[in-house]
């Protein structure tokens, strides 16, 4: 009985720890997905900036950004990856605005 209790406790704790780690690592990716969606829905220049000629380049950049974002767990790194993606649009009106120094900002907390 003690072995079963120990085994179940170990399994439960390891699954909670694993879930917490996965959730933490995916926060930057979730932030990027939200930024992507808001940009696509609200940015007036979307159709002008993403054309038939540069669609493949944009899709490759987006895929690369998603791949990087899934591995990021630090706010500063997430900021730079997302900002690099936004640079594709070459529009000074499209940017991430932070209100406090980046070292004190937790971009990944929701």
N, C-alpha and C. Protein backbone atom coordinates (compact mmCIF):
# COMPACT_ATOMS: atom_id res chain seq x y z
N UNK A 1 0.82 -1.19 0.00
CA UNK A 1 0.00 0.00 0.00
C UNK A 1 0.87 1.26 0.00
N UNK A 2 1.95 1.24 0.78
CA UNK A 2 2.84 2.39 0.84
C UNK A 2 3.50 2.63 -0.51
N UNK A 3 3.84 1.54 -1.21
CA UNK A 3 4.46 1.68 -2.52
C UNK A 3 3.50 2.33 -3.51
N UNK A 4 2.24 1.95 -3.48
CA UNK A 4 1.25 2.52 -4.39
C UNK A 4 1.04 3.99 -4.07
N UNK A 5 0.93 4.32 -2.80
CA UNK A 5 0.76 5.72 -2.40
C UNK A 5 1.96 6.55 -2.83
N UNK A 6 3.14 6.02 -2.60
CA UNK A 6 4.36 6.72 -3.00
C UNK A 6 4.40 6.91 -4.52
N UNK A 7 4.07 5.86 -5.25
CA UNK A 7 4.09 5.92 -6.71
C UNK A 7 3.09 6.95 -7.23
N UNK A 8 1.87 6.92 -6.69
CA UNK A 8 0.86 7.88 -7.13
C UNK A 8 1.24 9.31 -6.77
N UNK A 9 1.80 9.49 -5.59
CA UNK A 9 2.24 10.83 -5.19
C UNK A 9 3.35 11.34 -6.10
N UNK A 10 4.30 10.49 -6.39
CA UNK A 10 5.40 10.87 -7.28
C UNK A 10 4.87 11.20 -8.68
N UNK A 11 3.98 10.40 -9.18
CA UNK A 11 3.40 10.63 -10.49
C UNK A 11 2.62 11.94 -10.52
N UNK A 12 1.84 12.19 -9.50
CA UNK A 12 1.05 13.42 -9.42
C UNK A 12 1.96 14.64 -9.35
N UNK A 13 2.96 14.61 -8.50
CA UNK A 13 3.87 15.75 -8.37
C UNK A 13 4.67 15.99 -9.64
N UNK A 14 5.11 14.93 -10.29
CA UNK A 14 5.89 15.11 -11.51
C UNK A 14 5.02 15.65 -12.64
N UNK A 15 3.76 15.25 -12.70
CA UNK A 15 2.88 15.76 -13.75
C UNK A 15 2.57 17.23 -13.53
N UNK A 16 2.39 17.64 -12.26
CA UNK A 16 2.15 19.05 -11.95
C UNK A 16 3.38 19.86 -12.31
N UNK A 17 4.57 19.37 -11.95
CA UNK A 17 5.81 20.07 -12.27
C UNK A 17 5.99 20.19 -13.78
N UNK A 18 5.72 19.13 -14.50
CA UNK A 18 5.86 19.14 -15.96
C UNK A 18 4.89 20.13 -16.57
N UNK A 19 3.64 20.13 -16.10
CA UNK A 19 2.65 21.07 -16.62
C UNK A 19 3.08 22.51 -16.35
N UNK A 20 3.58 22.78 -15.16
CA UNK A 20 4.02 24.13 -14.82
C UNK A 20 5.17 24.56 -15.72
N UNK A 21 6.10 23.68 -16.00
CA UNK A 21 7.22 24.01 -16.88
C UNK A 21 6.74 24.27 -18.30
N UNK A 22 5.84 23.44 -18.80
CA UNK A 22 5.33 23.64 -20.16
C UNK A 22 4.56 24.95 -20.25
N UNK A 23 3.77 25.25 -19.25
CA UNK A 23 2.99 26.48 -19.25
C UNK A 23 3.93 27.69 -19.24
N UNK A 24 4.95 27.65 -18.41
CA UNK A 24 5.90 28.75 -18.33
C UNK A 24 6.62 28.95 -19.67
N UNK A 25 7.03 27.88 -20.31
CA UNK A 25 7.77 27.99 -21.55
C UNK A 25 6.90 28.46 -22.70
N UNK A 26 5.60 28.27 -22.62
CA UNK A 26 4.75 28.63 -23.74
C UNK A 26 4.13 30.02 -23.60
N UNK A 27 4.41 30.73 -22.52
CA UNK A 27 3.81 32.05 -22.34
C UNK A 27 4.25 33.03 -23.42
N UNK A 28 5.50 33.01 -23.80
CA UNK A 28 5.96 33.91 -24.86
C UNK A 28 5.27 33.57 -26.17
N UNK A 29 5.12 32.29 -26.44
CA UNK A 29 4.42 31.87 -27.66
C UNK A 29 2.97 32.33 -27.64
N UNK A 30 2.34 32.23 -26.47
CA UNK A 30 0.96 32.70 -26.37
C UNK A 30 0.87 34.21 -26.54
N UNK A 31 1.83 34.94 -25.99
CA UNK A 31 1.86 36.38 -26.20
C UNK A 31 2.05 36.72 -27.67
N UNK A 32 2.94 35.98 -28.34
CA UNK A 32 3.15 36.23 -29.76
C UNK A 32 1.89 35.95 -30.56
N UNK A 33 1.20 34.85 -30.24
CA UNK A 33 -0.03 34.52 -30.95
C UNK A 33 -1.07 35.64 -30.80
N UNK A 34 -1.15 36.20 -29.61
CA UNK A 34 -2.09 37.29 -29.37
C UNK A 34 -1.68 38.54 -30.16
N UNK A 35 -0.40 38.85 -30.16
CA UNK A 35 0.08 40.01 -30.91
C UNK A 35 -0.16 39.81 -32.40
N UNK A 36 0.12 38.60 -32.89
CA UNK A 36 -0.11 38.28 -34.30
C UNK A 36 -1.58 38.51 -34.66
N UNK A 37 -2.48 37.96 -33.85
CA UNK A 37 -3.91 38.06 -34.13
C UNK A 37 -4.39 39.51 -34.08
N UNK A 38 -3.96 40.25 -33.07
CA UNK A 38 -4.37 41.65 -32.96
C UNK A 38 -3.83 42.48 -34.12
N UNK A 39 -2.61 42.17 -34.55
CA UNK A 39 -2.03 42.89 -35.68
C UNK A 39 -2.81 42.57 -36.95
N UNK A 40 -3.09 41.31 -37.17
CA UNK A 40 -3.84 40.91 -38.37
C UNK A 40 -5.24 41.52 -38.37
N UNK A 41 -5.89 41.55 -37.22
CA UNK A 41 -7.26 42.06 -37.14
C UNK A 41 -7.35 43.59 -37.19
N UNK A 42 -6.35 44.28 -36.63
CA UNK A 42 -6.49 45.72 -36.43
C UNK A 42 -5.53 46.60 -37.22
N UNK A 43 -4.45 46.05 -37.72
CA UNK A 43 -3.45 46.87 -38.42
C UNK A 43 -3.95 47.19 -39.83
N UNK A 44 -4.15 48.46 -40.09
CA UNK A 44 -4.71 48.91 -41.37
C UNK A 44 -3.79 48.55 -42.54
N UNK A 45 -2.49 48.55 -42.32
CA UNK A 45 -1.55 48.29 -43.40
C UNK A 45 -1.25 46.83 -43.65
N UNK A 46 -1.97 45.92 -43.00
CA UNK A 46 -1.70 44.48 -43.13
C UNK A 46 -1.66 44.04 -44.58
N UNK A 47 -2.70 44.37 -45.35
CA UNK A 47 -2.77 43.92 -46.75
C UNK A 47 -1.78 44.63 -47.65
N UNK A 48 -1.34 45.80 -47.26
CA UNK A 48 -0.33 46.52 -48.04
C UNK A 48 1.07 45.99 -47.77
N UNK A 49 1.32 45.57 -46.54
CA UNK A 49 2.65 45.10 -46.15
C UNK A 49 2.88 43.63 -46.48
N UNK A 50 1.82 42.84 -46.45
CA UNK A 50 1.94 41.41 -46.77
C UNK A 50 1.30 41.21 -48.14
N UNK A 51 2.16 41.09 -49.12
CA UNK A 51 1.70 40.96 -50.50
C UNK A 51 1.98 39.55 -51.01
N UNK A 52 1.51 39.30 -52.20
CA UNK A 52 1.74 38.00 -52.82
C UNK A 52 3.25 37.74 -52.99
N UNK A 53 4.00 38.79 -53.24
CA UNK A 53 5.45 38.63 -53.48
C UNK A 53 6.23 38.31 -52.21
N UNK A 54 5.80 38.81 -51.06
CA UNK A 54 6.58 38.58 -49.84
C UNK A 54 5.88 37.67 -48.84
N UNK A 55 4.79 37.04 -49.24
CA UNK A 55 4.01 36.17 -48.33
C UNK A 55 4.85 34.99 -47.82
N UNK A 56 5.63 34.37 -48.69
CA UNK A 56 6.46 33.24 -48.26
C UNK A 56 7.50 33.69 -47.24
N UNK A 57 8.10 34.84 -47.48
CA UNK A 57 9.10 35.37 -46.54
C UNK A 57 8.44 35.68 -45.19
N UNK A 58 7.26 36.26 -45.23
CA UNK A 58 6.53 36.58 -44.01
C UNK A 58 6.15 35.30 -43.25
N UNK A 59 5.65 34.31 -43.97
CA UNK A 59 5.27 33.04 -43.33
C UNK A 59 6.48 32.34 -42.70
N UNK A 60 7.62 32.40 -43.37
CA UNK A 60 8.84 31.80 -42.83
C UNK A 60 9.29 32.54 -41.56
N UNK A 61 9.22 33.87 -41.59
CA UNK A 61 9.57 34.66 -40.42
C UNK A 61 8.62 34.36 -39.26
N UNK A 62 7.35 34.24 -39.55
CA UNK A 62 6.37 33.94 -38.51
C UNK A 62 6.62 32.56 -37.91
N UNK A 63 6.89 31.58 -38.74
CA UNK A 63 7.17 30.22 -38.25
C UNK A 63 8.43 30.22 -37.38
N UNK A 64 9.44 30.94 -37.81
CA UNK A 64 10.69 31.03 -37.04
C UNK A 64 10.44 31.73 -35.70
N UNK A 65 9.62 32.76 -35.71
CA UNK A 65 9.30 33.48 -34.48
C UNK A 65 8.55 32.59 -33.50
N UNK A 66 7.59 31.82 -34.00
CA UNK A 66 6.85 30.90 -33.15
C UNK A 66 7.79 29.87 -32.54
N UNK A 67 8.69 29.35 -33.36
CA UNK A 67 9.65 28.35 -32.88
C UNK A 67 10.53 28.93 -31.77
N UNK A 68 11.02 30.15 -31.97
CA UNK A 68 11.85 30.80 -30.94
C UNK A 68 11.04 31.10 -29.68
N UNK A 69 9.82 31.58 -29.87
CA UNK A 69 8.99 31.99 -28.74
C UNK A 69 8.63 30.82 -27.84
N UNK A 70 8.50 29.64 -28.40
CA UNK A 70 8.15 28.47 -27.57
C UNK A 70 9.28 28.09 -26.62
N UNK A 71 10.49 28.51 -26.92
CA UNK A 71 11.65 28.16 -26.10
C UNK A 71 12.02 29.26 -25.10
N UNK A 72 11.36 30.39 -25.17
CA UNK A 72 11.76 31.56 -24.37
C UNK A 72 10.98 31.59 -23.06
N UNK A 73 11.72 31.88 -21.97
CA UNK A 73 11.08 32.03 -20.68
C UNK A 73 11.47 33.34 -19.99
N UNK A 74 12.17 34.21 -20.70
CA UNK A 74 12.58 35.49 -20.13
C UNK A 74 11.89 36.63 -20.89
N UNK A 75 11.41 37.61 -20.15
CA UNK A 75 10.65 38.72 -20.74
C UNK A 75 11.47 39.49 -21.77
N UNK A 76 12.73 39.75 -21.47
CA UNK A 76 13.56 40.53 -22.39
C UNK A 76 13.74 39.82 -23.72
N UNK A 77 14.01 38.54 -23.69
CA UNK A 77 14.18 37.76 -24.92
C UNK A 77 12.87 37.72 -25.71
N UNK A 78 11.77 37.57 -25.02
CA UNK A 78 10.46 37.55 -25.69
C UNK A 78 10.20 38.90 -26.37
N UNK A 79 10.49 39.96 -25.68
CA UNK A 79 10.32 41.31 -26.25
C UNK A 79 11.10 41.45 -27.55
N UNK A 80 12.35 41.02 -27.56
CA UNK A 80 13.19 41.18 -28.74
C UNK A 80 12.71 40.31 -29.90
N UNK A 81 12.30 39.09 -29.61
CA UNK A 81 11.82 38.20 -30.68
C UNK A 81 10.55 38.76 -31.32
N UNK A 82 9.63 39.20 -30.51
CA UNK A 82 8.38 39.76 -31.04
C UNK A 82 8.65 41.07 -31.77
N UNK A 83 9.54 41.87 -31.23
CA UNK A 83 9.89 43.14 -31.87
C UNK A 83 10.56 42.91 -33.22
N UNK A 84 11.38 41.88 -33.33
CA UNK A 84 12.00 41.54 -34.61
C UNK A 84 10.93 41.16 -35.64
N UNK A 85 9.90 40.46 -35.20
CA UNK A 85 8.80 40.11 -36.10
C UNK A 85 8.05 41.36 -36.56
N UNK A 86 7.80 42.28 -35.63
CA UNK A 86 7.11 43.51 -35.97
C UNK A 86 7.92 44.38 -36.93
N UNK A 87 9.23 44.25 -36.90
CA UNK A 87 10.09 45.03 -37.79
C UNK A 87 9.84 44.69 -39.26
N UNK A 88 9.28 43.53 -39.54
CA UNK A 88 8.96 43.15 -40.91
C UNK A 88 8.07 44.18 -41.58
N UNK A 89 7.18 44.79 -40.80
CA UNK A 89 6.20 45.73 -41.35
C UNK A 89 6.82 47.09 -41.70
N UNK A 90 8.00 47.37 -41.18
CA UNK A 90 8.71 48.62 -41.45
C UNK A 90 7.78 49.83 -41.26
N UNK A 91 7.12 49.85 -40.13
CA UNK A 91 6.18 50.92 -39.82
C UNK A 91 6.46 51.41 -38.40
N UNK A 92 6.81 52.66 -38.27
CA UNK A 92 7.10 53.24 -36.97
C UNK A 92 5.90 53.32 -36.05
N UNK A 93 4.71 53.14 -36.61
CA UNK A 93 3.50 53.19 -35.79
C UNK A 93 3.14 51.84 -35.18
N UNK A 94 3.85 50.83 -35.56
CA UNK A 94 3.57 49.48 -35.07
C UNK A 94 4.74 49.03 -34.20
N UNK A 95 4.53 49.03 -32.88
CA UNK A 95 5.61 48.70 -31.96
C UNK A 95 5.03 48.23 -30.63
N UNK A 96 5.89 47.68 -29.81
CA UNK A 96 5.52 47.29 -28.45
C UNK A 96 5.96 48.41 -27.53
N UNK A 97 5.03 48.91 -26.75
CA UNK A 97 5.33 49.99 -25.83
C UNK A 97 5.42 49.41 -24.42
N UNK A 98 6.54 49.65 -23.76
CA UNK A 98 6.68 49.22 -22.37
C UNK A 98 6.69 50.45 -21.49
N UNK A 99 6.11 50.32 -20.31
CA UNK A 99 5.96 51.48 -19.44
C UNK A 99 7.00 51.53 -18.33
N UNK A 100 7.74 50.47 -18.15
CA UNK A 100 8.76 50.45 -17.12
C UNK A 100 10.02 49.82 -17.71
N UNK A 101 11.15 49.96 -17.04
CA UNK A 101 12.36 49.33 -17.57
C UNK A 101 12.13 47.84 -17.78
N UNK A 102 12.68 47.33 -18.86
CA UNK A 102 12.45 45.95 -19.24
C UNK A 102 12.89 44.98 -18.17
N UNK A 103 13.92 45.32 -17.42
CA UNK A 103 14.39 44.40 -16.39
C UNK A 103 13.36 44.23 -15.28
N UNK A 104 12.49 45.22 -15.09
CA UNK A 104 11.47 45.14 -14.05
C UNK A 104 10.13 44.66 -14.60
N UNK A 105 10.03 44.52 -15.88
CA UNK A 105 8.76 44.18 -16.52
C UNK A 105 8.63 42.68 -16.70
N UNK A 106 7.49 42.16 -16.38
CA UNK A 106 7.23 40.74 -16.59
C UNK A 106 6.23 40.63 -17.73
N UNK A 107 6.73 40.58 -18.95
CA UNK A 107 5.86 40.49 -20.11
C UNK A 107 5.13 39.17 -20.18
N UNK A 108 5.67 38.17 -19.52
CA UNK A 108 5.12 36.83 -19.66
C UNK A 108 4.00 36.54 -18.68
N UNK A 109 3.76 37.41 -17.74
CA UNK A 109 2.71 37.16 -16.76
C UNK A 109 1.38 37.62 -17.33
N UNK A 110 0.36 36.86 -17.12
CA UNK A 110 -0.99 37.23 -17.58
C UNK A 110 -1.92 37.30 -16.41
